[in-house]
Amino acid sequence: MQPAIHVRDLRKTYDVPEREGGLKAAAASLVKRKTHQIKAVDGVTFDIAPGEVVGFLGPNGAGKTTTLKMLSGLLYPTSGEGVVLGFTPSRREKAFLRQIALVMGQRNQLLWDIPALDTFDLIRAIYRLPTDNFIKTRDELLDLLGVADLARKPVRNLSLGERMKMEIIGALLHTPGVLFLDEPTIGLDVTAQKKIREFVREYNRRTGATVLLTSHYMADVEALCKHVIVIHHGRILFDGDLSALVERFAAYKTIGVMLDDTSLDLSGYGEVTARESDKITLRVRKADAPRVTAQLLHDLSVNDLTVESPPIEDVIERVFASSSPLPSGESQGEGAEGGVLTL
């Protein structure tokens, strides 16, 4: 099966002007401008299968949005190969644009002073969608997100969460086969975030669309993505299953012990991180967790015991802390420290 998204050694480099402060430096820059290169994306390689929902993770400035813009045809790559549904995005062919959508959090395509329904009609005209199909798709999307009663209000009268839902609907009216989501839940409250996550999951289930999602909210990633790609300084640090990422970088386990007497000193079993009315929480090395668990059950009168992996936020932070990009020109061997870890 051919991948829906195929990326090989994709790069984007910018020449950025630089100068000292002051009038003299400003005048000198008119004659001879100094520049330095920034490698926003530095040799990225990955494949995404049709119908996958993939989390694209990294800190600010890692190269996530630049990669999405190249894959959606908004930016021309410096070098390398990017293929989406068999098309080269930078050519921006009509057949390609009809099959993709890019949604960027807090970036508006809806017209501010008119109802979203009117903008939807404009999108219908741009894509030349058959009226019957358009109305059916529009009403299904409005129902899925529960905003049918808001579509007749001027966009400026909607809350941020309501506007974001309308933006997503507008991006999906032409039923794209590939959906690029760049921070779709940024700035939204917990309820709105959950609703959008549920919507993306349901849209993927109904249409089989391929989704590439960037988000700083790990709840989005855990709820939607089995496959994750981690990027830092423009280079891939990890490409594989989310569960494999946790297993690879989770160096400890959290053990919750429920006891009648929580004043007991359990520091001999592990690091005590929390003490509640009926529960003590310990942090132990992952390799020691089975032994410590058995010892606790043998030594104490335990009412209940839980063993959990650390939050995914901690795992991602550990990836960034323990890995660094390889120097330019070195190979990214599988499993190499600082290279791409494909599990």
C-alpha atoms as a PDB file:
ATOM      1  CA  MET A   1       0.000   0.000   0.000  1.00  0.00           C
ATOM      2  CA  GLN A   2       1.318   3.397  -0.989  1.00  0.00           C
ATOM      3  CA  PRO A   3       1.619   5.913   1.871  1.00  0.00           C
ATOM      4  CA  ALA A   4      -0.806   8.831   1.880  1.00  0.00           C
ATOM      5  CA  ILE A   5       2.084  11.116   2.871  1.00  0.00           C
ATOM      6  CA  HIS A   6       5.647  10.325   1.815  1.00  0.00           C
ATOM      7  CA  VAL A   7       8.512  12.555   2.970  1.00  0.00           C
ATOM      8  CA  ARG A   8      12.203  12.016   2.212  1.00  0.00           C
ATOM      9  CA  ASP A   9      15.041  14.296   3.335  1.00  0.00           C
ATOM     10  CA  LEU A  10      12.768  17.350   3.269  1.00  0.00           C
ATOM     11  CA  ARG A  11      14.534  20.632   4.039  1.00  0.00           C
ATOM     12  CA  LYS A  12      13.638  24.305   4.377  1.00  0.00           C
ATOM     13  CA  THR A  13      16.382  26.888   4.925  1.00  0.00           C
ATOM     14  CA  TYR A  14      15.934  30.634   5.385  1.00  0.00           C
ATOM     15  CA  ASP A  15      18.538  33.375   4.895  1.00  0.00           C
ATOM     16  CA  VAL A  16      17.843  35.789   7.751  1.00  0.00           C
ATOM     17  CA  PRO A  17      19.307  39.338   7.749  1.00  0.00           C
ATOM     18  CA  GLU A  18      21.214  40.413  10.858  1.00  0.00           C
ATOM     19  CA  ARG A  19      22.874  43.637  11.979  1.00  0.00           C
ATOM     20  CA  GLU A  20      23.925  45.530  15.071  1.00  0.00           C
ATOM     21  CA  GLY A  21      21.711  48.234  16.520  1.00  0.00           C
ATOM     22  CA  GLY A  22      22.168  51.905  15.723  1.00  0.00           C
ATOM     23  CA  LEU A  23      22.066  54.292  12.759  1.00  0.00           C
ATOM     24  CA  LYS A  24      25.586  53.494  11.543  1.00  0.00           C
ATOM     25  CA  ALA A  25      24.880  49.771  11.331  1.00  0.00           C
ATOM     26  CA  ALA A  26      21.568  50.490   9.585  1.00  0.00           C
ATOM     27  CA  ALA A  27      23.320  52.598   6.948  1.00  0.00           C
ATOM     28  CA  ALA A  28      26.043  49.982   6.435  1.00  0.00           C
ATOM     29  CA  SER A  29      23.409  47.274   5.921  1.00  0.00           C
ATOM     30  CA  LEU A  30      22.079  49.217   2.914  1.00  0.00           C
ATOM     31  CA  VAL A  31      25.389  48.610   1.158  1.00  0.00           C
ATOM     32  CA  LYS A  32      26.275  45.144   2.419  1.00  0.00           C
ATOM     33  CA  ARG A  33      23.751  43.062   4.303  1.00  0.00           C
ATOM     34  CA  LYS A  34      24.899  40.258   6.569  1.00  0.00           C
ATOM     35  CA  THR A  35      22.766  37.140   6.722  1.00  0.00           C
ATOM     36  CA  HIS A  36      22.843  33.803   8.461  1.00  0.00           C
ATOM     37  CA  GLN A  37      21.063  30.587   7.614  1.00  0.00           C
ATOM     38  CA  ILE A  38      18.318  29.030   9.724  1.00  0.00           C
ATOM     39  CA  LYS A  39      17.463  25.411   9.042  1.00  0.00           C
ATOM     40  CA  ALA A  40      13.778  25.344   9.902  1.00  0.00           C
ATOM     41  CA  VAL A  41      13.436  21.768   8.613  1.00  0.00           C
ATOM     42  CA  ASP A  42      16.632  19.764   8.307  1.00  0.00           C
ATOM     43  CA  GLY A  43      16.321  16.447   6.484  1.00  0.00           C
ATOM     44  CA  VAL A  44      12.930  15.182   7.689  1.00  0.00           C
ATOM     45  CA  THR A  45      11.906  11.681   6.601  1.00  0.00           C
ATOM     46  CA  PHE A  46       8.690   9.780   7.392  1.00  0.00           C
ATOM     47  CA  ASP A  47       5.733   7.939   5.859  1.00  0.00           C
ATOM     48  CA  ILE A  48       2.070   8.045   6.926  1.00  0.00           C
ATOM     49  CA  ALA A  49      -0.331   5.318   5.829  1.00  0.00           C
ATOM     50  CA  PRO A  50      -3.817   6.077   4.461  1.00  0.00           C
ATOM     51  CA  GLY A  51      -6.360   6.580   7.235  1.00  0.00           C
ATOM     52  CA  GLU A  52      -3.791   7.112  10.013  1.00  0.00           C
ATOM     53  CA  VAL A  53      -4.130   9.833  12.645  1.00  0.00           C
ATOM     54  CA  VAL A  54      -0.556  10.848  13.475  1.00  0.00           C
ATOM     55  CA  GLY A  55       0.663  13.192  16.190  1.00  0.00           C
ATOM     56  CA  PHE A  56       3.441  15.560  15.065  1.00  0.00           C
ATOM     57  CA  LEU A  57       5.081  16.754  18.275  1.00  0.00           C
ATOM     58  CA  GLY A  58       7.790  19.205  19.174  1.00  0.00           C
ATOM     59  CA  PRO A  59       8.495  22.436  21.061  1.00  0.00           C
ATOM     60  CA  ASN A  60       7.926  25.888  19.580  1.00  0.00           C
ATOM     61  CA  GLY A  61      10.277  26.471  16.662  1.00  0.00           C
ATOM     62  CA  ALA A  62      10.911  22.752  16.098  1.00  0.00           C
ATOM     63  CA  GLY A  63       9.753  22.866  12.461  1.00  0.00           C
ATOM     64  CA  LYS A  64       6.233  21.426  12.780  1.00  0.00           C
ATOM     65  CA  THR A  65       4.302  24.259  11.111  1.00  0.00           C
ATOM     66  CA  THR A  66       6.950  24.712   8.413  1.00  0.00           C
ATOM     67  CA  THR A  67       6.654  21.020   7.542  1.00  0.00           C
ATOM     68  CA  LEU A  68       2.855  21.234   7.382  1.00  0.00           C
ATOM     69  CA  LYS A  69       3.050  24.309   5.152  1.00  0.00           C
ATOM     70  CA  MET A  70       5.375  22.508   2.749  1.00  0.00           C
ATOM     71  CA  LEU A  71       3.112  19.443   2.672  1.00  0.00           C
ATOM     72  CA  SER A  72       0.056  21.613   1.995  1.00  0.00           C
ATOM     73  CA  GLY A  73       1.808  23.587  -0.756  1.00  0.00           C
ATOM     74  CA  LEU A  74       2.080  26.938   1.037  1.00  0.00           C
ATOM     75  CA  LEU A  75       5.888  26.803   1.130  1.00  0.00           C
ATOM     76  CA  TYR A  76       8.355  25.576  -1.462  1.00  0.00           C
ATOM     77  CA  PRO A  77      10.985  23.251   0.048  1.00  0.00           C
ATOM     78  CA  THR A  78      14.670  24.065  -0.274  1.00  0.00           C
ATOM     79  CA  SER A  79      15.351  20.415  -1.156  1.00  0.00           C
ATOM     80  CA  GLY A  80      14.036  16.929  -0.594  1.00  0.00           C
ATOM     81  CA  GLU A  81      10.831  15.162  -1.521  1.00  0.00           C
ATOM     82  CA  GLY A  82       7.304  15.508  -0.214  1.00  0.00           C
ATOM     83  CA  VAL A  83       4.429  13.604  -1.805  1.00  0.00           C
ATOM     84  CA  VAL A  84       0.798  13.785  -0.634  1.00  0.00           C
ATOM     85  CA  LEU A  85      -1.754  11.449  -2.239  1.00  0.00           C
ATOM     86  CA  GLY A  86       0.612  11.079  -5.188  1.00  0.00           C
ATOM     87  CA  PHE A  87       0.912  14.851  -5.756  1.00  0.00           C
ATOM     88  CA  THR A  88       3.864  17.196  -5.307  1.00  0.00           C
ATOM     89  CA  PRO A  89       2.355  19.868  -2.990  1.00  0.00           C
ATOM     90  CA  SER A  90       4.416  22.818  -4.269  1.00  0.00           C
ATOM     91  CA  ARG A  91       2.829  22.474  -7.722  1.00  0.00           C
ATOM     92  CA  ARG A  92      -0.555  23.294  -6.133  1.00  0.00           C
ATOM     93  CA  GLU A  93      -2.521  21.395  -8.744  1.00  0.00           C
ATOM     94  CA  LYS A  94      -6.294  21.780  -8.528  1.00  0.00           C
ATOM     95  CA  ALA A  95      -6.796  18.039  -8.064  1.00  0.00           C
ATOM     96  CA  PHE A  96      -4.399  18.156  -5.096  1.00  0.00           C
ATOM     97  CA  LEU A  97      -5.986  21.205  -3.446  1.00  0.00           C
ATOM     98  CA  ARG A  98      -9.401  19.549  -3.645  1.00  0.00           C
ATOM     99  CA  GLN A  99      -8.131  16.638  -1.530  1.00  0.00           C
ATOM    100  CA  ILE A 100      -6.341  18.407   1.338  1.00  0.00           C
ATOM    101  CA  ALA A 101      -7.177  20.888   4.074  1.00  0.00           C
ATOM    102  CA  LEU A 102      -4.977  22.864   6.473  1.00  0.00           C
ATOM    103  CA  VAL A 103      -6.486  24.129   9.737  1.00  0.00           C
ATOM    104  CA  MET A 104      -4.326  26.453  11.837  1.00  0.00           C
ATOM    105  CA  GLY A 105      -5.458  27.368  15.325  1.00  0.00           C
ATOM    106  CA  GLN A 106      -6.560  31.015  15.674  1.00  0.00           C
ATOM    107  CA  ARG A 107      -6.052  31.675  11.923  1.00  0.00           C
ATOM    108  CA  ASN A 108      -9.333  32.777  10.382  1.00  0.00           C
ATOM    109  CA  GLN A 109     -10.796  32.013   6.990  1.00  0.00           C
ATOM    110  CA  LEU A 110     -14.360  32.930   7.975  1.00  0.00           C
ATOM    111  CA  LEU A 111     -15.598  36.424   7.137  1.00  0.00           C
ATOM    112  CA  TRP A 112     -15.949  38.355  10.389  1.00  0.00           C
ATOM    113  CA  ASP A 113     -19.183  40.334   9.949  1.00  0.00           C
ATOM    114  CA  ILE A 114     -21.442  37.749   8.318  1.00  0.00           C
ATOM    115  CA  PRO A 115     -22.806  34.357   9.458  1.00  0.00           C
ATOM    116  CA  ALA A 116     -20.669  31.278   8.916  1.00  0.00           C
ATOM    117  CA  LEU A 117     -23.358  29.916   6.595  1.00  0.00           C
ATOM    118  CA  ASP A 118     -22.565  32.672   4.083  1.00  0.00           C
ATOM    119  CA  THR A 119     -18.857  31.845   4.113  1.00  0.00           C
ATOM    120  CA  PHE A 120     -19.746  28.183   3.658  1.00  0.00           C
ATOM    121  CA  ASP A 121     -21.687  29.142   0.524  1.00  0.00           C
ATOM    122  CA  LEU A 122     -18.632  31.009  -0.747  1.00  0.00           C
ATOM    123  CA  ILE A 123     -16.486  27.913  -0.164  1.00  0.00           C
ATOM    124  CA  ARG A 124     -19.075  25.853  -2.058  1.00  0.00           C
ATOM    125  CA  ALA A 125     -18.709  28.194  -5.023  1.00  0.00           C
ATOM    126  CA  ILE A 126     -14.897  28.152  -4.897  1.00  0.00           C
ATOM    127  CA  TYR A 127     -14.775  24.335  -4.930  1.00  0.00           C
ATOM    128  CA  ARG A 128     -17.765  24.090  -7.285  1.00  0.00           C
ATOM    129  CA  LEU A 129     -19.461  21.600  -5.002  1.00  0.00           C
ATOM    130  CA  PRO A 130     -22.855  20.182  -6.094  1.00  0.00           C
ATOM    131  CA  THR A 131     -25.503  21.924  -3.993  1.00  0.00           C
ATOM    132  CA  ASP A 132     -27.185  18.750  -2.722  1.00  0.00           C
ATOM    133  CA  ASN A 133     -23.879  17.170  -1.629  1.00  0.00           C
ATOM    134  CA  PHE A 134     -22.731  20.439  -0.077  1.00  0.00           C
ATOM    135  CA  ILE A 135     -25.888  20.847   2.021  1.00  0.00           C
ATOM    136  CA  LYS A 136     -25.738  17.223   3.183  1.00  0.00           C
ATOM    137  CA  THR A 137     -22.066  17.500   4.185  1.00  0.00           C
ATOM    138  CA  ARG A 138     -22.548  20.919   5.826  1.00  0.00           C
ATOM    139  CA  ASP A 139     -25.491  19.771   7.925  1.00  0.00           C
ATOM    140  CA  GLU A 140     -23.691  16.570   8.983  1.00  0.00           C
ATOM    141  CA  LEU A 141     -20.644  18.556  10.125  1.00  0.00           C
ATOM    142  CA  LEU A 142     -22.780  21.117  11.977  1.00  0.00           C
ATOM    143  CA  ASP A 143     -24.591  18.280  13.724  1.00  0.00           C
ATOM    144  CA  LEU A 144     -21.380  16.424  14.603  1.00  0.00           C
ATOM    145  CA  LEU A 145     -19.980  19.523  16.320  1.00  0.00           C
ATOM    146  CA  GLY A 146     -23.343  20.564  17.793  1.00  0.00           C
ATOM    147  CA  VAL A 147     -23.267  24.117  16.386  1.00  0.00           C
ATOM    148  CA  ALA A 148     -26.198  24.131  13.952  1.00  0.00           C
ATOM    149  CA  ASP A 149     -27.958  26.856  15.962  1.00  0.00           C
ATOM    150  CA  LEU A 150     -24.869  29.115  15.805  1.00  0.00           C
ATOM    151  CA  ALA A 151     -24.262  29.047  12.051  1.00  0.00           C
ATOM    152  CA  ARG A 152     -26.648  31.983  11.438  1.00  0.00           C
ATOM    153  CA  LYS A 153     -24.895  34.316  13.895  1.00  0.00           C
ATOM    154  CA  PRO A 154     -22.256  36.788  12.678  1.00  0.00           C
ATOM    155  CA  VAL A 155     -18.848  35.219  13.278  1.00  0.00           C
ATOM    156  CA  ARG A 156     -17.733  38.167  15.441  1.00  0.00           C
ATOM    157  CA  ASN A 157     -20.468  37.239  17.951  1.00  0.00           C
ATOM    158  CA  LEU A 158     -19.148  33.704  18.468  1.00  0.00           C
ATOM    159  CA  SER A 159     -16.796  32.602  21.224  1.00  0.00           C
ATOM    160  CA  LEU A 160     -13.294  31.378  20.377  1.00  0.00           C
ATOM    161  CA  GLY A 161     -14.346  27.745  20.711  1.00  0.00           C
ATOM    162  CA  GLU A 162     -17.426  28.273  18.550  1.00  0.00           C
ATOM    163  CA  ARG A 163     -15.358  30.051  15.872  1.00  0.00           C
ATOM    164  CA  MET A 164     -12.815  27.227  15.858  1.00  0.00           C
ATOM    165  CA  LYS A 165     -15.572  24.688  15.268  1.00  0.00           C
ATOM    166  CA  MET A 166     -16.875  26.767  12.352  1.00  0.00           C
ATOM    167  CA  GLU A 167     -13.337  27.046  10.942  1.00  0.00           C
ATOM    168  CA  ILE A 168     -12.986  23.258  10.988  1.00  0.00           C
ATOM    169  CA  ILE A 169     -16.357  22.820   9.279  1.00  0.00           C
ATOM    170  CA  GLY A 170     -15.349  25.307   6.578  1.00  0.00           C
ATOM    171  CA  ALA A 171     -12.130  23.359   5.968  1.00  0.00           C
ATOM    172  CA  LEU A 172     -13.976  20.049   5.585  1.00  0.00           C
ATOM    173  CA  LEU A 173     -16.882  21.015   3.326  1.00  0.00           C
ATOM    174  CA  HIS A 174     -15.050  19.560   0.321  1.00  0.00           C
ATOM    175  CA  THR A 175     -14.392  16.302   2.281  1.00  0.00           C
ATOM    176  CA  PRO A 176     -10.586  16.262   1.974  1.00  0.00           C
ATOM    177  CA  GLY A 177      -8.712  12.979   2.091  1.00  0.00           C
ATOM    178  CA  VAL A 178      -5.792  14.482   4.020  1.00  0.00           C
ATOM    179  CA  LEU A 179      -6.272  16.871   6.922  1.00  0.00           C
ATOM    180  CA  PHE A 180      -3.410  18.913   8.401  1.00  0.00           C
ATOM    181  CA  LEU A 181      -4.336  20.211  11.864  1.00  0.00           C
ATOM    182  CA  ASP A 182      -1.932  22.747  13.367  1.00  0.00           C
ATOM    183  CA  GLU A 183      -2.856  23.387  17.026  1.00  0.00           C
ATOM    184  CA  PRO A 184      -6.630  23.135  16.423  1.00  0.00           C
ATOM    185  CA  THR A 185      -7.471  23.289  20.151  1.00  0.00           C
ATOM    186  CA  ILE A 186      -5.070  26.057  21.189  1.00  0.00           C
ATOM    187  CA  GLY A 187      -6.638  28.532  23.614  1.00  0.00           C
ATOM    188  CA  LEU A 188      -9.866  26.554  23.950  1.00  0.00           C
ATOM    189  CA  ASP A 189     -11.471  25.451  27.199  1.00  0.00           C
ATOM    190  CA  VAL A 190     -11.486  21.792  28.229  1.00  0.00           C
ATOM    191  CA  THR A 191     -15.027  21.180  26.977  1.00  0.00           C
ATOM    192  CA  ALA A 192     -14.327  22.648  23.517  1.00  0.00           C
ATOM    193  CA  GLN A 193     -11.050  20.700  23.251  1.00  0.00           C
ATOM    194  CA  LYS A 194     -12.858  17.448  24.015  1.00  0.00           C
ATOM    195  CA  LYS A 195     -15.584  18.191  21.471  1.00  0.00           C
ATOM    196  CA  ILE A 196     -13.061  18.861  18.706  1.00  0.00           C
ATOM    197  CA  ARG A 197     -11.106  15.700  19.573  1.00  0.00           C
ATOM    198  CA  GLU A 198     -14.292  13.643  19.365  1.00  0.00           C
ATOM    199  CA  PHE A 199     -15.142  15.312  16.055  1.00  0.00           C
ATOM    200  CA  VAL A 200     -11.741  14.557  14.506  1.00  0.00           C
ATOM    201  CA  ARG A 201     -11.970  10.921  15.619  1.00  0.00           C
ATOM    202  CA  GLU A 202     -15.461  10.568  14.166  1.00  0.00           C
ATOM    203  CA  TYR A 203     -14.504  12.321  10.891  1.00  0.00           C
ATOM    204  CA  ASN A 204     -11.562   9.946  10.503  1.00  0.00           C
ATOM    205  CA  ARG A 205     -13.808   6.935  11.205  1.00  0.00           C
ATOM    206  CA  ARG A 206     -16.499   8.019   8.727  1.00  0.00           C
ATOM    207  CA  THR A 207     -14.311   9.171   5.851  1.00  0.00           C
ATOM    208  CA  GLY A 208     -11.034   7.280   6.306  1.00  0.00           C
ATOM    209  CA  ALA A 209      -9.162  10.582   5.996  1.00  0.00           C
ATOM    210  CA  THR A 210      -5.484  10.758   6.903  1.00  0.00           C
ATOM    211  CA  VAL A 211      -4.794  13.265   9.692  1.00  0.00           C
ATOM    212  CA  LEU A 212      -1.484  14.878  10.678  1.00  0.00           C
ATOM    213  CA  LEU A 213      -1.970  16.702  13.978  1.00  0.00           C
ATOM    214  CA  THR A 214       0.295  19.089  15.857  1.00  0.00           C
ATOM    215  CA  SER A 215      -0.653  19.980  19.423  1.00  0.00           C
ATOM    216  CA  HIS A 216       0.874  21.055  22.718  1.00  0.00           C
ATOM    217  CA  TYR A 217      -2.056  19.419  24.526  1.00  0.00           C
ATOM    218  CA  MET A 218      -1.056  15.840  25.201  1.00  0.00           C
ATOM    219  CA  ALA A 219      -4.705  14.945  25.796  1.00  0.00           C
ATOM    220  CA  ASP A 220      -5.239  15.501  22.043  1.00  0.00           C
ATOM    221  CA  VAL A 221      -2.418  13.130  21.184  1.00  0.00           C
ATOM    222  CA  GLU A 222      -3.377  10.417  23.661  1.00  0.00           C
ATOM    223  CA  ALA A 223      -7.019  10.493  22.545  1.00  0.00           C
ATOM    224  CA  LEU A 224      -6.397  10.432  18.788  1.00  0.00           C
ATOM    225  CA  CYS A 225      -2.949   9.112  17.874  1.00  0.00           C
ATOM    226  CA  LYS A 226      -1.369   5.686  18.022  1.00  0.00           C
ATOM    227  CA  HIS A 227       1.501   6.823  15.795  1.00  0.00           C
ATOM    228  CA  VAL A 228       3.622   9.857  16.771  1.00  0.00           C
ATOM    229  CA  ILE A 229       6.522  11.706  15.201  1.00  0.00           C
ATOM    230  CA  VAL A 230       8.724  13.873  17.427  1.00  0.00           C
ATOM    231  CA  ILE A 231      10.706  16.706  15.821  1.00  0.00           C
ATOM    232  CA  HIS A 232      13.272  19.008  17.431  1.00  0.00           C
ATOM    233  CA  HIS A 233      15.521  21.625  15.784  1.00  0.00           C
ATOM    234  CA  GLY A 234      14.101  20.571  12.419  1.00  0.00           C
ATOM    235  CA  ARG A 235      15.114  16.910  12.759  1.00  0.00           C
ATOM    236  CA  ILE A 236      13.170  13.778  13.613  1.00  0.00           C
ATOM    237  CA  LEU A 237      13.941  12.348  17.060  1.00  0.00           C
ATOM    238  CA  PHE A 238      11.304   9.617  17.153  1.00  0.00           C
ATOM    239  CA  ASP A 239       8.924   7.974  14.687  1.00  0.00           C
ATOM    240  CA  GLY A 240       6.769   5.101  15.923  1.00  0.00           C
ATOM    241  CA  ASP A 241       3.934   3.982  18.177  1.00  0.00           C
ATOM    242  CA  LEU A 242       2.963   6.189  21.094  1.00  0.00           C
ATOM    243  CA  SER A 243       3.131   3.165  23.385  1.00  0.00           C
ATOM    244  CA  ALA A 244       6.694   2.471  22.196  1.00  0.00           C
ATOM    245  CA  LEU A 245       7.647   6.082  22.922  1.00  0.00           C
ATOM    246  CA  VAL A 246       6.378   5.743  26.493  1.00  0.00           C
ATOM    247  CA  GLU A 247       8.138   2.412  26.909  1.00  0.00           C
ATOM    248  CA  ARG A 248      11.417   3.764  25.509  1.00  0.00           C
ATOM    249  CA  PHE A 249      11.612   6.964  27.531  1.00  0.00           C
ATOM    250  CA  ALA A 250       9.552   6.312  30.680  1.00  0.00           C
ATOM    251  CA  ALA A 251      12.336   5.595  33.141  1.00  0.00           C
ATOM    252  CA  TYR A 252      10.061   5.201  36.149  1.00  0.00           C
ATOM    253  CA  LYS A 253       6.660   3.956  37.279  1.00  0.00           C
ATOM    254  CA  THR A 254       4.222   5.525  39.715  1.00  0.00           C
ATOM    255  CA  ILE A 255       2.875   3.188  42.420  1.00  0.00           C
ATOM    256  CA  GLY A 256      -0.196   4.237  44.411  1.00  0.00           C
ATOM    257  CA  VAL A 257      -0.660   2.367  47.686  1.00  0.00           C
ATOM    258  CA  MET A 258      -3.911   2.658  49.649  1.00  0.00           C
ATOM    259  CA  LEU A 259      -3.409   1.962  53.356  1.00  0.00           C
ATOM    260  CA  ASP A 260      -5.309   2.359  56.617  1.00  0.00           C
ATOM    261  CA  ASP A 261      -2.247   4.079  58.118  1.00  0.00           C
ATOM    262  CA  THR A 262      -0.633   6.575  55.728  1.00  0.00           C
ATOM    263  CA  SER A 263       1.828   7.816  58.341  1.00  0.00           C
ATOM    264  CA  LEU A 264       4.081   4.843  57.618  1.00  0.00           C
ATOM    265  CA  ASP A 265       7.546   5.575  56.257  1.00  0.00           C
ATOM    266  CA  LEU A 266       7.708   4.019  52.784  1.00  0.00           C
ATOM    267  CA  SER A 267      10.881   5.787  51.658  1.00  0.00           C
ATOM    268  CA  GLY A 268      12.681   2.436  51.699  1.00  0.00           C
ATOM    269  CA  TYR A 269      10.503   1.269  48.813  1.00  0.00           C
ATOM    270  CA  GLY A 270      10.927   4.315  46.572  1.00  0.00           C
ATOM    271  CA  GLU A 271      10.613   8.092  46.370  1.00  0.00           C
ATOM    272  CA  VAL A 272       7.460   9.302  48.135  1.00  0.00           C
ATOM    273  CA  THR A 273       5.909  11.942  45.853  1.00  0.00           C
ATOM    274  CA  ALA A 274       2.487  12.397  47.479  1.00  0.00           C
ATOM    275  CA  ARG A 275       0.716  11.525  50.702  1.00  0.00           C
ATOM    276  CA  GLU A 276      -3.078  11.749  50.953  1.00  0.00           C
ATOM    277  CA  SER A 277      -5.622  10.722  53.579  1.00  0.00           C
ATOM    278  CA  ASP A 278      -5.666   7.083  52.474  1.00  0.00           C
ATOM    279  CA  LYS A 279      -3.023   6.872  49.739  1.00  0.00           C
ATOM    280  CA  ILE A 280       0.750   7.155  49.377  1.00  0.00           C
ATOM    281  CA  THR A 281       2.281   7.652  45.935  1.00  0.00           C
ATOM    282  CA  LEU A 282       5.754   6.317  45.180  1.00  0.00           C
ATOM    283  CA  ARG A 283       8.032   6.774  42.202  1.00  0.00           C
ATOM    284  CA  VAL A 284      10.343   3.857  41.404  1.00  0.00           C
ATOM    285  CA  ARG A 285      12.579   2.840  38.526  1.00  0.00           C
ATOM    286  CA  LYS A 286      10.674   0.967  35.832  1.00  0.00           C
ATOM    287  CA  ALA A 287      12.907  -2.081  36.199  1.00  0.00           C
ATOM    288  CA  ASP A 288      12.295  -2.179  39.964  1.00  0.00           C
ATOM    289  CA  ALA A 289       8.496  -1.819  39.801  1.00  0.00           C
ATOM    290  CA  PRO A 290       7.648  -5.583  39.876  1.00  0.00           C
ATOM    291  CA  ARG A 291       9.950  -6.229  42.836  1.00  0.00           C
ATOM    292  CA  VAL A 292       8.745  -3.184  44.804  1.00  0.00           C
ATOM    293  CA  THR A 293       5.101  -4.068  44.144  1.00  0.00           C
ATOM    294  CA  ALA A 294       5.578  -7.617  45.394  1.00  0.00           C
ATOM    295  CA  GLN A 295       7.459  -6.360  48.444  1.00  0.00           C
ATOM    296  CA  LEU A 296       4.730  -3.864  49.349  1.00  0.00           C
ATOM    297  CA  LEU A 297       2.039  -6.552  49.129  1.00  0.00           C
ATOM    298  CA  HIS A 298       4.140  -8.911  51.264  1.00  0.00           C
ATOM    299  CA  ASP A 299       5.150  -6.400  53.942  1.00  0.00           C
ATOM    300  CA  LEU A 300       2.008  -4.286  54.363  1.00  0.00           C
ATOM    301  CA  SER A 301      -1.747  -4.639  54.719  1.00  0.00           C
ATOM    302  CA  VAL A 302      -2.618  -3.030  51.390  1.00  0.00           C
ATOM    303  CA  ASN A 303      -6.215  -2.052  50.606  1.00  0.00           C
ATOM    304  CA  ASP A 304      -5.479  -1.290  46.962  1.00  0.00           C
ATOM    305  CA  LEU A 305      -2.467  -0.786  44.708  1.00  0.00           C
ATOM    306  CA  THR A 306      -2.030   0.762  41.270  1.00  0.00           C
ATOM    307  CA  VAL A 307       0.987   0.886  38.953  1.00  0.00           C
ATOM    308  CA  GLU A 308       0.983   3.558  36.239  1.00  0.00           C
ATOM    309  CA  SER A 309       3.308   4.950  33.610  1.00  0.00           C
ATOM    310  CA  PRO A 310       4.234   8.655  33.862  1.00  0.00           C
ATOM    311  CA  PRO A 311       2.106  11.259  32.072  1.00  0.00           C
ATOM    312  CA  ILE A 312       2.854  11.560  28.357  1.00  0.00           C
ATOM    313  CA  GLU A 313       3.940  15.188  28.951  1.00  0.00           C
ATOM    314  CA  ASP A 314       6.822  13.900  31.079  1.00  0.00           C
ATOM    315  CA  VAL A 315       7.784  11.377  28.418  1.00  0.00           C
ATOM    316  CA  ILE A 316       7.905  14.001  25.655  1.00  0.00           C
ATOM    317  CA  GLU A 317       9.964  16.308  27.863  1.00  0.00           C
ATOM    318  CA  ARG A 318      12.406  13.466  28.440  1.00  0.00           C
ATOM    319  CA  VAL A 319      12.738  12.924  24.680  1.00  0.00           C
ATOM    320  CA  PHE A 320      13.746  16.553  24.213  1.00  0.00           C
ATOM    321  CA  ALA A 321      16.109  16.447  27.187  1.00  0.00           C
ATOM    322  CA  SER A 322      17.904  13.249  26.181  1.00  0.00           C
ATOM    323  CA  SER A 323      18.148  13.743  22.419  1.00  0.00           C
ATOM    324  CA  SER A 324      19.811  16.340  20.218  1.00  0.00           C
ATOM    325  CA  PRO A 325      20.001  16.715  16.439  1.00  0.00           C
ATOM    326  CA  LEU A 326      22.877  15.014  14.685  1.00  0.00           C
ATOM    327  CA  PRO A 327      25.440  17.307  13.066  1.00  0.00           C
ATOM    328  CA  SER A 328      24.641  18.095   9.451  1.00  0.00           C
ATOM    329  CA  GLY A 329      25.797  15.356   7.117  1.00  0.00           C
ATOM    330  CA  GLU A 330      25.768  12.509   9.654  1.00  0.00           C
ATOM    331  CA  SER A 331      23.349   9.663   9.089  1.00  0.00           C
ATOM    332  CA  GLN A 332      20.302   9.217  11.265  1.00  0.00           C
ATOM    333  CA  GLY A 333      20.772   5.555  12.015  1.00  0.00           C
ATOM    334  CA  GLU A 334      17.884   3.616  13.474  1.00  0.00           C
ATOM    335  CA  GLY A 335      17.988   3.803  17.241  1.00  0.00           C
ATOM    336  CA  ALA A 336      21.028   6.098  17.240  1.00  0.00           C
ATOM    337  CA  GLU A 337      21.282   8.500  20.142  1.00  0.00           C
ATOM    338  CA  GLY A 338      20.150  11.877  18.889  1.00  0.00           C
ATOM    339  CA  GLY A 339      18.936  10.371  15.622  1.00  0.00           C
ATOM    340  CA  VAL A 340      15.601   9.020  14.534  1.00  0.00           C
ATOM    341  CA  LEU A 341      14.241   6.286  16.764  1.00  0.00           C
ATOM    342  CA  THR A 342      11.852   4.144  14.739  1.00  0.00           C
ATOM    343  CA  LEU A 343      10.077   1.551  16.846  1.00  0.00           C
END
